[in-house]
Protein backbone atom coordinates (compact mmCIF):
# COMPACT_ATOMS: atom_id res chain seq x y z
CA MET A 1 -127.68 -104.13 120.73
CA LYS A 2 -127.31 -101.58 123.53
CA LYS A 3 -125.49 -104.10 125.68
CA ASP A 4 -122.86 -104.97 123.08
CA GLY A 5 -122.82 -101.72 121.10
CA LEU A 6 -123.16 -103.70 117.88
CA ILE A 7 -125.77 -104.41 115.23
CA THR A 8 -125.10 -107.88 113.86
CA ASN A 9 -126.52 -110.05 111.12
CA ASN A 10 -127.99 -112.23 113.86
CA HIS A 11 -129.98 -109.20 115.06
CA LEU A 12 -131.32 -108.64 111.55
CA LEU A 13 -132.18 -112.31 111.14
CA ARG A 14 -134.13 -112.24 114.41
CA ILE A 15 -135.95 -109.04 113.41
CA GLN A 16 -136.98 -110.47 110.05
CA ALA A 17 -138.05 -113.75 111.65
CA GLU A 18 -140.28 -111.84 114.08
CA LEU A 19 -141.79 -109.75 111.29
CA GLU A 20 -142.49 -112.66 108.94
CA HIS A 21 -143.14 -115.37 111.55
CA ASN A 22 -140.65 -117.73 109.93
CA SER A 23 -136.98 -118.61 110.10
CA ALA A 24 -136.18 -118.75 106.39
CA GLY A 25 -133.02 -116.68 106.92
CA PHE A 26 -131.01 -115.21 104.07
CA ARG A 27 -132.09 -116.07 100.54
CA ARG A 28 -130.67 -119.35 99.28
CA VAL A 29 -132.74 -119.86 96.13
CA PRO A 30 -132.25 -117.60 93.07
CA GLY A 31 -135.14 -115.90 91.31
CA THR A 32 -135.81 -112.78 93.39
CA THR A 33 -136.31 -109.65 91.28
CA LEU A 34 -137.72 -106.19 91.96
CA LYS A 35 -140.44 -104.93 89.61
CA ASP A 36 -142.16 -101.63 88.98
CA GLY A 37 -145.91 -101.06 88.92
CA THR A 38 -146.20 -102.46 85.40
CA GLY A 39 -144.44 -105.71 86.27
CA ARG A 40 -141.21 -104.74 84.50
CA VAL A 41 -138.05 -105.97 86.24
CA ILE A 42 -136.02 -102.92 87.24
CA TYR A 43 -133.45 -104.51 89.52
CA THR A 44 -132.07 -107.97 90.17
CA PRO A 45 -130.34 -108.25 93.56
CA PRO A 46 -127.49 -110.71 94.15
CA GLN A 47 -128.68 -114.25 93.52
CA ASP A 48 -125.89 -116.48 94.81
CA ALA A 49 -126.41 -117.51 98.45
CA ARG A 50 -122.72 -117.32 99.29
CA ARG A 51 -122.45 -113.86 97.75
CA ILE A 52 -125.42 -112.65 99.80
CA VAL A 53 -123.71 -113.81 102.99
CA GLU A 54 -120.44 -112.15 101.91
CA LEU A 55 -122.20 -108.85 101.22
CA MET A 56 -124.09 -108.97 104.53
CA ASN A 57 -120.84 -109.63 106.38
CA GLU A 58 -119.30 -106.61 104.66
CA LEU A 59 -122.35 -104.53 105.58
CA GLU A 60 -122.14 -105.70 109.20
CA ALA A 61 -118.51 -104.53 109.33
CA PHE A 62 -119.49 -101.17 107.80
CA ILE A 63 -122.34 -100.70 110.30
CA ASN A 64 -120.06 -101.37 113.26
CA ALA A 65 -116.97 -99.53 112.06
CA PRO A 66 -115.72 -96.74 114.36
CA ARG A 67 -117.39 -93.39 113.75
CA SER A 68 -115.47 -91.26 111.27
CA PRO A 69 -115.31 -87.46 111.59
CA GLU A 70 -115.47 -87.35 107.80
CA MET A 71 -118.96 -88.88 107.62
CA ASP A 72 -121.95 -87.85 109.73
CA PRO A 73 -123.89 -90.84 111.15
CA LEU A 74 -127.04 -89.70 109.35
CA ILE A 75 -125.26 -89.91 106.01
CA ARG A 76 -123.83 -93.27 106.99
CA MET A 77 -127.35 -94.44 107.86
CA ALA A 78 -128.51 -93.48 104.35
CA ILE A 79 -125.69 -95.52 102.81
CA ILE A 80 -126.38 -98.49 105.08
CA HIS A 81 -130.06 -98.45 104.15
CA HIS A 82 -129.31 -98.38 100.43
CA ARG A 83 -126.82 -101.22 100.69
CA PHE A 84 -129.20 -103.34 102.72
CA GLU A 85 -132.12 -102.83 100.34
CA SER A 86 -129.88 -103.48 97.33
CA ILE A 87 -128.59 -106.75 98.79
CA HIS A 88 -132.23 -107.60 99.55
CA PRO A 89 -131.08 -110.50 101.73
CA PHE A 90 -134.47 -111.94 102.69
CA TYR A 91 -137.31 -113.51 100.74
CA ASP A 92 -139.77 -111.17 102.48
CA GLY A 93 -139.66 -108.32 104.97
CA ASN A 94 -136.66 -106.46 103.54
CA GLY A 95 -138.37 -103.06 103.61
CA ARG A 96 -139.57 -103.26 107.20
CA THR A 97 -136.31 -104.80 108.44
CA GLY A 98 -134.35 -102.07 106.66
CA ARG A 99 -136.46 -99.33 108.23
CA ILE A 100 -135.98 -100.83 111.69
CA LEU A 101 -132.24 -100.98 110.97
CA ASN A 102 -132.28 -97.21 110.32
CA VAL A 103 -133.60 -96.47 113.79
CA LEU A 104 -131.42 -99.03 115.55
CA TYR A 105 -128.37 -97.50 113.92
CA LEU A 106 -129.30 -94.03 115.21
CA VAL A 107 -129.68 -95.51 118.71
CA LYS A 108 -126.33 -97.26 118.36
CA GLU A 109 -124.68 -93.99 117.36
CA GLY A 110 -126.23 -92.09 120.27
CA LEU A 111 -128.50 -89.88 118.15
CA LEU A 112 -131.56 -91.44 119.80
CA ASP A 113 -131.96 -92.74 123.33
CA ILE A 114 -134.85 -95.03 122.39
CA PRO A 115 -136.15 -96.07 118.94
CA VAL A 116 -138.98 -93.55 118.60
CA LEU A 117 -138.22 -92.00 115.19
CA TYR A 118 -140.98 -93.35 112.96
CA MET A 119 -139.43 -92.97 109.49
CA SER A 120 -141.68 -95.61 107.93
CA ARG A 121 -144.55 -93.12 107.69
CA HIS A 122 -142.50 -90.71 105.56
CA ILE A 123 -141.13 -93.49 103.34
CA VAL A 124 -144.56 -95.03 102.74
CA ARG A 125 -146.02 -91.58 102.05
CA THR A 126 -143.33 -90.89 99.41
CA LYS A 127 -142.97 -94.46 98.19
CA SER A 128 -142.60 -93.68 94.47
CA GLU A 129 -139.82 -91.17 95.15
CA TYR A 130 -138.14 -93.59 97.53
CA TYR A 131 -137.98 -96.35 94.91
CA ARG A 132 -136.97 -93.93 92.16
CA LEU A 133 -134.01 -92.68 94.16
CA LEU A 134 -132.93 -96.16 95.25
CA GLN A 135 -132.73 -97.10 91.58
CA ALA A 136 -131.07 -93.81 90.58
CA VAL A 137 -128.09 -94.65 92.78
CA ARG A 138 -127.76 -98.06 91.13
CA GLU A 139 -128.07 -96.69 87.61
CA ALA A 140 -126.48 -93.24 87.83
CA ASN A 141 -124.60 -93.17 91.15
CA ALA A 142 -126.98 -90.40 92.30
CA TRP A 143 -125.95 -90.50 95.95
CA GLU A 144 -126.54 -86.82 96.69
CA GLU A 145 -130.25 -87.01 95.85
CA TRP A 146 -130.62 -90.22 97.86
CA VAL A 147 -128.87 -88.86 100.95
CA THR A 148 -130.91 -85.64 100.77
CA TYR A 149 -134.11 -87.70 100.62
CA MET A 150 -133.10 -89.71 103.71
CA LEU A 151 -132.09 -86.60 105.66
CA THR A 152 -135.46 -85.06 104.83
CA ALA A 153 -137.14 -88.25 106.05
CA VAL A 154 -135.31 -87.94 109.37
CA ALA A 155 -136.17 -84.24 109.74
CA ASP A 156 -139.86 -84.62 108.89
CA SER A 157 -140.22 -87.73 111.05
CA ALA A 158 -138.61 -85.93 113.98
CA ARG A 159 -140.97 -82.96 113.60
CA GLU A 160 -144.00 -85.24 113.45
CA GLY A 161 -142.74 -87.20 116.47
CA ILE A 162 -142.31 -84.04 118.52
CA THR A 163 -145.79 -82.86 117.56
CA THR A 164 -147.27 -86.21 118.57
CA VAL A 165 -145.46 -86.17 121.92
CA HIS A 166 -146.78 -82.67 122.68
CA GLU A 167 -150.32 -83.72 121.73
CA ILE A 168 -150.13 -86.76 124.01
CA GLY A 169 -148.78 -84.59 126.84
CA ASN A 170 -151.62 -82.09 126.43
CA ALA A 171 -154.22 -84.86 126.31
CA LEU A 172 -152.78 -86.44 129.45
CA LEU A 173 -153.01 -83.15 131.35
CA GLU A 174 -156.57 -82.50 130.21
CA VAL A 175 -157.70 -85.99 131.23
CA LYS A 176 -155.81 -85.68 134.51
CA HIS A 177 -157.57 -82.45 135.44
CA ARG A 178 -160.96 -83.85 134.43
CA VAL A 179 -160.54 -87.04 136.45
CA ARG A 180 -159.30 -85.10 139.45
CA ARG A 181 -162.34 -82.79 139.18
CA GLU A 182 -165.03 -85.42 138.55
CA PHE A 183 -163.65 -88.43 140.44
CA LYS A 184 -161.96 -87.08 143.54
CA LYS A 185 -162.56 -90.29 145.46
CA PHE A 186 -160.32 -92.44 143.27
CA TYR A 187 -158.14 -89.98 141.31
CA SER A 188 -154.43 -90.86 141.32
CA GLN A 189 -151.47 -90.09 139.08
CA ASP A 190 -150.79 -93.83 138.86
CA LEU A 191 -154.22 -94.35 137.29
CA ILE A 192 -153.61 -91.60 134.73
CA ASN A 193 -150.20 -93.06 133.91
CA ASN A 194 -151.77 -96.48 133.45
CA ILE A 195 -154.38 -95.38 130.92
CA PHE A 196 -151.78 -93.40 128.94
CA SER A 197 -149.06 -96.07 128.95
CA HIS A 198 -150.74 -97.92 126.07
CA PRO A 199 -153.68 -97.28 123.72
CA TYR A 200 -155.77 -99.53 125.96
CA THR A 201 -155.66 -100.95 129.47
CA LYS A 202 -157.23 -103.93 131.24
CA ILE A 203 -158.63 -104.60 134.69
CA GLN A 204 -155.63 -106.80 135.45
CA PHE A 205 -153.18 -104.02 134.54
CA VAL A 206 -154.87 -101.57 136.90
CA GLN A 207 -154.99 -104.18 139.64
CA GLU A 208 -151.27 -104.86 139.42
CA GLU A 209 -150.06 -101.30 138.93
CA LEU A 210 -152.30 -99.62 141.51
CA GLY A 211 -152.36 -102.49 143.99
CA VAL A 212 -156.17 -102.60 144.21
CA SER A 213 -158.75 -105.39 144.10
CA ARG A 214 -160.34 -106.55 140.87
CA ILE A 215 -163.70 -105.04 141.87
CA THR A 216 -162.06 -101.68 142.61
CA ALA A 217 -160.13 -101.69 139.34
CA THR A 218 -163.33 -102.54 137.45
CA ASN A 219 -165.19 -99.70 139.14
CA TYR A 220 -162.46 -97.20 138.22
CA LEU A 221 -162.40 -98.21 134.56
CA ASP A 222 -166.16 -98.45 134.18
CA ALA A 223 -166.54 -94.97 135.68
CA LEU A 224 -164.04 -93.52 133.16
CA ALA A 225 -165.78 -95.36 130.33
CA GLY A 226 -169.11 -93.95 131.52
CA VAL A 227 -167.97 -90.37 130.81
CA GLY A 228 -166.25 -91.16 127.50
CA ILE A 229 -162.62 -90.96 128.66
CA LEU A 230 -162.30 -94.67 127.90
CA GLU A 231 -164.24 -96.90 125.53
CA LYS A 232 -165.08 -100.35 126.86
CA MET A 233 -164.71 -103.15 124.33
CA LYS A 234 -165.36 -106.85 124.77
CA VAL A 235 -162.68 -109.09 123.25
CA GLY A 236 -163.34 -112.75 123.98
CA ARG A 237 -163.81 -113.03 127.73
CA SER A 238 -161.79 -109.92 128.48
CA SER A 239 -162.77 -106.27 128.54
CA LEU A 240 -160.42 -103.74 127.00
CA TYR A 241 -160.64 -100.09 127.96
CA VAL A 242 -159.45 -97.98 125.03
CA ASN A 243 -158.03 -94.51 125.67
CA VAL A 244 -160.13 -92.52 123.19
CA ARG A 245 -157.90 -89.42 123.08
CA LEU A 246 -154.65 -91.36 122.80
CA VAL A 247 -155.90 -93.56 119.98
CA ALA A 248 -157.18 -90.49 118.10
CA ILE A 249 -153.71 -88.92 118.29
CA LEU A 250 -151.87 -92.07 117.25
CA THR A 251 -154.19 -92.74 114.29
CA ALA A 252 -154.57 -89.15 113.08
CA PRO A 253 -153.66 -88.36 109.45
CA THR A 254 -150.01 -87.58 108.95
CA HIS A 255 -148.83 -84.02 109.43
CA ALA A 256 -147.89 -82.28 106.21
CA PRO A 257 -144.17 -81.99 105.47
CA SER A 258 -142.57 -78.71 106.35
CA PRO A 259 -142.33 -76.09 103.54
CA ALA A 260 -138.54 -76.26 103.77
CA ALA A 261 -138.59 -80.03 103.30
CA ALA A 262 -141.06 -79.80 100.44
């Protein structure tokens, strides 16, 4: 997408295929309906296979149209998301594909450098409101409420993301100082970077990134596990070394929405 500056239907098909582990593509068989919690049908998306392709082609053109000074990209993203979810082009995975599309569009438009805005958390947390407003646009053309909801999702997700980044940065510094203090013989910034690059690391990763032997890498990781910085877990024949602080941050309960957003 970054290379071509476009988000195409082929991109969306590949995303959905990865999510669902199949290549079913766009819906070709009628019968898909959306129901509420009681099982009542509240919306029937387009059923004809040719019409679905036509609508997705129209959406692709809308996504990739030149930016207009009359419409902020965030508002355009809200419209794109509603159109995609209303077309409901896939048998499964429409919600997750649509949420990924949101972030890719913001990258495409230069509002994000990398896709780090995790809007899914906000949408899942406010799921009933999300579905209510999707339907309100279809039934009453209530675009203002829908756009406001999506803008709030962006704002709250950005705040939570910034908070998470700061927490990870603080944890990295604390662990760095502790390792430098307690393990002067093998402390290195490369080792700290390795254990904070992912929620877990492996002996092989440390070997390759630090250029050390397997025995040395094992000694480093076992020493950090011995003082609780890492947690050693056996998975099959491999040992995983989980970064305790990083995992705690990434799995912490969601931050409450801001008073202004609420």
